[in-house]
Amino acid sequence: MNILNRGYFGEAELIAAARCAIASLRPGGIWIVGRTICEDPPTHDVSVFRKPPSGAIEVITRIGAGAEIQELVLAAGLEECHVPGKKQLP
């Protein structure tokens, strides 16, 4: 929560982070992305994603308006994450 948002990162960085997060999920894995909109009363905009055994990442539920980067996550798809200097496994 409150990390992957437009206040801290540009669109290219958010897409790269989403690709890496998606790549790290096992089939059936869940990823929760959100932001606290208001502290008092507590208000959150959250999207819950699931990586199905086959196919693209999907939104399984939303709280409030959903994560502000929801569309970027869906667009990031299942592309492989490339980390500079990290050896890729065969």
N, C-alpha and C. Protein backbone atom coordinates (compact mmCIF):
# COMPACT_ATOMS: atom_id res chain seq x y z
N MET A 1 0.83 -1.19 0.00
CA MET A 1 0.00 0.00 0.00
C MET A 1 0.87 1.25 0.00
N ASN A 2 0.39 2.24 -0.72
CA ASN A 2 0.97 3.58 -0.70
C ASN A 2 2.39 3.67 -1.24
N ILE A 3 2.82 2.72 -2.04
CA ILE A 3 4.17 2.78 -2.61
C ILE A 3 4.09 3.01 -4.13
N LEU A 4 3.45 2.10 -4.84
CA LEU A 4 3.39 2.20 -6.30
C LEU A 4 2.25 3.14 -6.69
N ASN A 5 2.56 4.44 -6.69
CA ASN A 5 1.56 5.41 -7.11
C ASN A 5 2.23 6.53 -7.88
N ARG A 6 1.41 7.30 -8.56
CA ARG A 6 1.90 8.35 -9.45
C ARG A 6 2.60 9.49 -8.71
N GLY A 7 2.40 9.58 -7.41
CA GLY A 7 3.08 10.61 -6.64
C GLY A 7 4.56 10.34 -6.46
N TYR A 8 4.97 9.09 -6.58
CA TYR A 8 6.37 8.71 -6.40
C TYR A 8 7.09 8.32 -7.70
N PHE A 9 6.34 7.77 -8.67
CA PHE A 9 6.96 7.20 -9.87
C PHE A 9 6.25 7.66 -11.14
N GLY A 10 7.01 7.70 -12.22
CA GLY A 10 6.45 7.98 -13.54
C GLY A 10 5.83 6.73 -14.12
N GLU A 11 5.13 6.92 -15.23
CA GLU A 11 4.42 5.80 -15.85
C GLU A 11 5.35 4.66 -16.25
N ALA A 12 6.49 4.95 -16.85
CA ALA A 12 7.42 3.90 -17.28
C ALA A 12 7.93 3.09 -16.08
N GLU A 13 8.21 3.78 -14.98
CA GLU A 13 8.68 3.08 -13.77
C GLU A 13 7.56 2.22 -13.17
N LEU A 14 6.35 2.71 -13.18
CA LEU A 14 5.22 1.94 -12.65
C LEU A 14 4.96 0.69 -13.49
N ILE A 15 5.05 0.82 -14.80
CA ILE A 15 4.87 -0.33 -15.67
C ILE A 15 5.97 -1.36 -15.45
N ALA A 16 7.22 -0.89 -15.33
CA ALA A 16 8.34 -1.81 -15.07
C ALA A 16 8.16 -2.53 -13.74
N ALA A 17 7.73 -1.81 -12.71
CA ALA A 17 7.50 -2.42 -11.41
C ALA A 17 6.37 -3.43 -11.48
N ALA A 18 5.31 -3.09 -12.20
CA ALA A 18 4.18 -4.02 -12.34
C ALA A 18 4.60 -5.29 -13.05
N ARG A 19 5.41 -5.15 -14.11
CA ARG A 19 5.89 -6.34 -14.84
C ARG A 19 6.68 -7.26 -13.91
N CYS A 20 7.53 -6.67 -13.09
CA CYS A 20 8.33 -7.48 -12.17
C CYS A 20 7.46 -8.14 -11.10
N ALA A 21 6.50 -7.40 -10.57
CA ALA A 21 5.60 -7.98 -9.56
C ALA A 21 4.79 -9.12 -10.15
N ILE A 22 4.28 -8.92 -11.35
CA ILE A 22 3.49 -9.97 -12.01
C ILE A 22 4.36 -11.19 -12.28
N ALA A 23 5.58 -10.97 -12.76
CA ALA A 23 6.49 -12.08 -13.05
C ALA A 23 6.83 -12.87 -11.78
N SER A 24 6.81 -12.22 -10.64
CA SER A 24 7.17 -12.91 -9.39
C SER A 24 6.02 -13.75 -8.82
N LEU A 25 4.81 -13.53 -9.32
CA LEU A 25 3.66 -14.27 -8.80
C LEU A 25 3.62 -15.68 -9.37
N ARG A 26 3.26 -16.62 -8.53
CA ARG A 26 3.00 -17.98 -9.00
C ARG A 26 1.59 -18.01 -9.58
N PRO A 27 1.28 -18.99 -10.43
CA PRO A 27 -0.09 -19.11 -10.92
C PRO A 27 -1.06 -19.19 -9.73
N GLY A 28 -2.09 -18.39 -9.79
CA GLY A 28 -3.06 -18.31 -8.70
C GLY A 28 -2.68 -17.28 -7.65
N GLY A 29 -1.48 -16.69 -7.79
CA GLY A 29 -1.00 -15.72 -6.81
C GLY A 29 -1.82 -14.44 -6.82
N ILE A 30 -1.85 -13.79 -5.66
CA ILE A 30 -2.62 -12.57 -5.44
C ILE A 30 -1.67 -11.40 -5.21
N TRP A 31 -2.00 -10.25 -5.78
CA TRP A 31 -1.24 -9.02 -5.58
C TRP A 31 -2.23 -7.92 -5.25
N ILE A 32 -2.01 -7.23 -4.13
CA ILE A 32 -2.89 -6.17 -3.68
C ILE A 32 -2.16 -4.84 -3.83
N VAL A 33 -2.77 -3.91 -4.56
CA VAL A 33 -2.18 -2.60 -4.82
C VAL A 33 -3.19 -1.54 -4.40
N GLY A 34 -2.74 -0.54 -3.65
CA GLY A 34 -3.68 0.50 -3.25
C GLY A 34 -3.01 1.71 -2.66
N ARG A 35 -3.86 2.65 -2.32
CA ARG A 35 -3.40 3.91 -1.76
C ARG A 35 -4.43 4.42 -0.76
N THR A 36 -3.93 4.95 0.35
CA THR A 36 -4.81 5.59 1.33
C THR A 36 -5.17 6.97 0.80
N ILE A 37 -6.44 7.20 0.62
CA ILE A 37 -6.92 8.47 0.06
C ILE A 37 -7.14 9.49 1.17
N CYS A 38 -7.63 9.00 2.30
CA CYS A 38 -7.93 9.88 3.44
C CYS A 38 -7.63 9.12 4.73
N GLU A 39 -7.01 9.81 5.68
CA GLU A 39 -6.66 9.18 6.96
C GLU A 39 -7.85 9.14 7.93
N ASP A 40 -8.67 10.21 7.91
CA ASP A 40 -9.76 10.29 8.89
C ASP A 40 -11.01 10.85 8.23
N PRO A 41 -11.99 10.04 7.94
CA PRO A 41 -12.04 8.60 8.18
C PRO A 41 -11.18 7.84 7.16
N PRO A 42 -10.69 6.67 7.55
CA PRO A 42 -9.83 5.91 6.64
C PRO A 42 -10.57 5.55 5.35
N THR A 43 -9.98 5.96 4.23
CA THR A 43 -10.54 5.67 2.92
C THR A 43 -9.40 5.18 2.03
N HIS A 44 -9.64 4.05 1.38
CA HIS A 44 -8.60 3.43 0.56
C HIS A 44 -9.16 3.11 -0.82
N ASP A 45 -8.33 3.27 -1.84
CA ASP A 45 -8.64 2.81 -3.19
C ASP A 45 -7.69 1.66 -3.48
N VAL A 46 -8.24 0.46 -3.67
CA VAL A 46 -7.45 -0.76 -3.74
C VAL A 46 -7.94 -1.64 -4.88
N SER A 47 -7.01 -2.30 -5.56
CA SER A 47 -7.33 -3.34 -6.54
C SER A 47 -6.63 -4.61 -6.11
N VAL A 48 -7.34 -5.73 -6.22
CA VAL A 48 -6.77 -7.04 -5.92
C VAL A 48 -6.67 -7.79 -7.24
N PHE A 49 -5.44 -8.18 -7.58
CA PHE A 49 -5.17 -8.87 -8.84
C PHE A 49 -4.87 -10.34 -8.56
N ARG A 50 -5.14 -11.17 -9.56
CA ARG A 50 -4.80 -12.59 -9.48
C ARG A 50 -4.13 -12.98 -10.78
N LYS A 51 -3.08 -13.79 -10.66
CA LYS A 51 -2.42 -14.34 -11.84
C LYS A 51 -2.99 -15.73 -12.07
N PRO A 52 -3.86 -15.88 -13.06
CA PRO A 52 -4.45 -17.20 -13.30
C PRO A 52 -3.41 -18.19 -13.81
N PRO A 53 -3.71 -19.47 -13.76
CA PRO A 53 -2.77 -20.47 -14.27
C PRO A 53 -2.39 -20.23 -15.73
N SER A 54 -3.32 -19.69 -16.50
CA SER A 54 -3.01 -19.31 -17.87
C SER A 54 -3.75 -18.02 -18.18
N GLY A 55 -3.15 -17.18 -18.98
CA GLY A 55 -3.80 -15.92 -19.33
C GLY A 55 -3.19 -14.75 -18.60
N ALA A 56 -3.76 -13.60 -18.84
CA ALA A 56 -3.23 -12.34 -18.30
C ALA A 56 -3.72 -12.09 -16.89
N ILE A 57 -3.01 -11.24 -16.18
CA ILE A 57 -3.39 -10.84 -14.82
C ILE A 57 -4.81 -10.28 -14.87
N GLU A 58 -5.58 -10.50 -13.81
CA GLU A 58 -6.96 -10.04 -13.79
C GLU A 58 -7.28 -9.37 -12.46
N VAL A 59 -8.24 -8.47 -12.49
CA VAL A 59 -8.75 -7.83 -11.27
C VAL A 59 -9.83 -8.73 -10.72
N ILE A 60 -9.69 -9.12 -9.45
CA ILE A 60 -10.74 -9.96 -8.86
C ILE A 60 -11.67 -9.17 -7.94
N THR A 61 -11.21 -8.03 -7.44
CA THR A 61 -12.08 -7.16 -6.66
C THR A 61 -11.44 -5.78 -6.53
N ARG A 62 -12.27 -4.82 -6.18
CA ARG A 62 -11.80 -3.46 -5.95
C ARG A 62 -12.44 -2.95 -4.66
N ILE A 63 -11.70 -2.08 -4.01
CA ILE A 63 -12.23 -1.34 -2.86
C ILE A 63 -12.18 0.12 -3.26
N GLY A 64 -13.22 0.86 -2.98
CA GLY A 64 -13.28 2.26 -3.41
C GLY A 64 -13.24 2.32 -4.92
N ALA A 65 -12.43 3.22 -5.45
CA ALA A 65 -12.32 3.41 -6.90
C ALA A 65 -11.32 2.44 -7.53
N GLY A 66 -10.68 1.60 -6.75
CA GLY A 66 -9.62 0.74 -7.27
C GLY A 66 -8.31 1.50 -7.30
N ALA A 67 -7.22 0.78 -7.44
CA ALA A 67 -5.89 1.39 -7.44
C ALA A 67 -5.75 2.34 -8.62
N GLU A 68 -5.07 3.46 -8.38
CA GLU A 68 -4.88 4.44 -9.46
C GLU A 68 -4.02 3.91 -10.58
N ILE A 69 -3.29 2.83 -10.34
CA ILE A 69 -2.44 2.25 -11.40
C ILE A 69 -3.04 0.96 -11.96
N GLN A 70 -4.29 0.70 -11.68
CA GLN A 70 -4.93 -0.54 -12.13
C GLN A 70 -4.77 -0.75 -13.63
N GLU A 71 -5.06 0.27 -14.43
CA GLU A 71 -4.97 0.12 -15.88
C GLU A 71 -3.53 -0.12 -16.33
N LEU A 72 -2.56 0.48 -15.65
CA LEU A 72 -1.15 0.24 -15.99
C LEU A 72 -0.77 -1.21 -15.69
N VAL A 73 -1.26 -1.73 -14.58
CA VAL A 73 -0.97 -3.13 -14.21
C VAL A 73 -1.55 -4.07 -15.27
N LEU A 74 -2.78 -3.83 -15.66
CA LEU A 74 -3.41 -4.68 -16.67
C LEU A 74 -2.67 -4.58 -18.00
N ALA A 75 -2.20 -3.39 -18.35
CA ALA A 75 -1.46 -3.20 -19.59
C ALA A 75 -0.08 -3.84 -19.53
N ALA A 76 0.50 -3.92 -18.33
CA ALA A 76 1.84 -4.50 -18.18
C ALA A 76 1.84 -5.97 -18.57
N GLY A 77 0.70 -6.63 -18.39
CA GLY A 77 0.57 -8.03 -18.80
C GLY A 77 1.55 -8.94 -18.11
N LEU A 78 2.01 -9.93 -18.83
CA LEU A 78 2.90 -10.94 -18.26
C LEU A 78 4.30 -10.87 -18.84
N GLU A 79 4.70 -9.68 -19.30
CA GLU A 79 6.05 -9.56 -19.87
C GLU A 79 7.10 -9.82 -18.81
N GLU A 80 8.19 -10.38 -19.24
CA GLU A 80 9.27 -10.73 -18.33
C GLU A 80 9.93 -9.49 -17.75
N CYS A 81 10.31 -9.57 -16.51
CA CYS A 81 11.02 -8.50 -15.82
C CYS A 81 12.52 -8.65 -16.08
N HIS A 82 13.16 -7.56 -16.48
CA HIS A 82 14.61 -7.57 -16.68
C HIS A 82 15.24 -6.61 -15.68
N VAL A 83 16.03 -7.14 -14.77
CA VAL A 83 16.72 -6.33 -13.77
C VAL A 83 18.16 -6.19 -14.20
N PRO A 84 18.64 -4.94 -14.42
CA PRO A 84 20.03 -4.75 -14.84
C PRO A 84 21.02 -5.41 -13.86
N GLY A 85 21.96 -6.14 -14.42
CA GLY A 85 22.98 -6.79 -13.60
C GLY A 85 22.55 -8.11 -12.99
N LYS A 86 21.28 -8.46 -13.13
CA LYS A 86 20.80 -9.73 -12.56
C LYS A 86 20.86 -10.79 -13.65
N LYS A 87 21.47 -11.92 -13.31
CA LYS A 87 21.60 -13.01 -14.25
C LYS A 87 20.24 -13.68 -14.40
N GLN A 88 19.79 -13.83 -15.64
CA GLN A 88 18.52 -14.47 -15.92
C GLN A 88 18.72 -15.99 -15.91
N LEU A 89 17.79 -16.69 -15.27
CA LEU A 89 17.87 -18.14 -15.20
C LEU A 89 17.35 -18.75 -16.50
N PRO A 90 17.91 -19.89 -16.92
CA PRO A 90 17.44 -20.53 -18.16
C PRO A 90 16.04 -21.09 -17.99
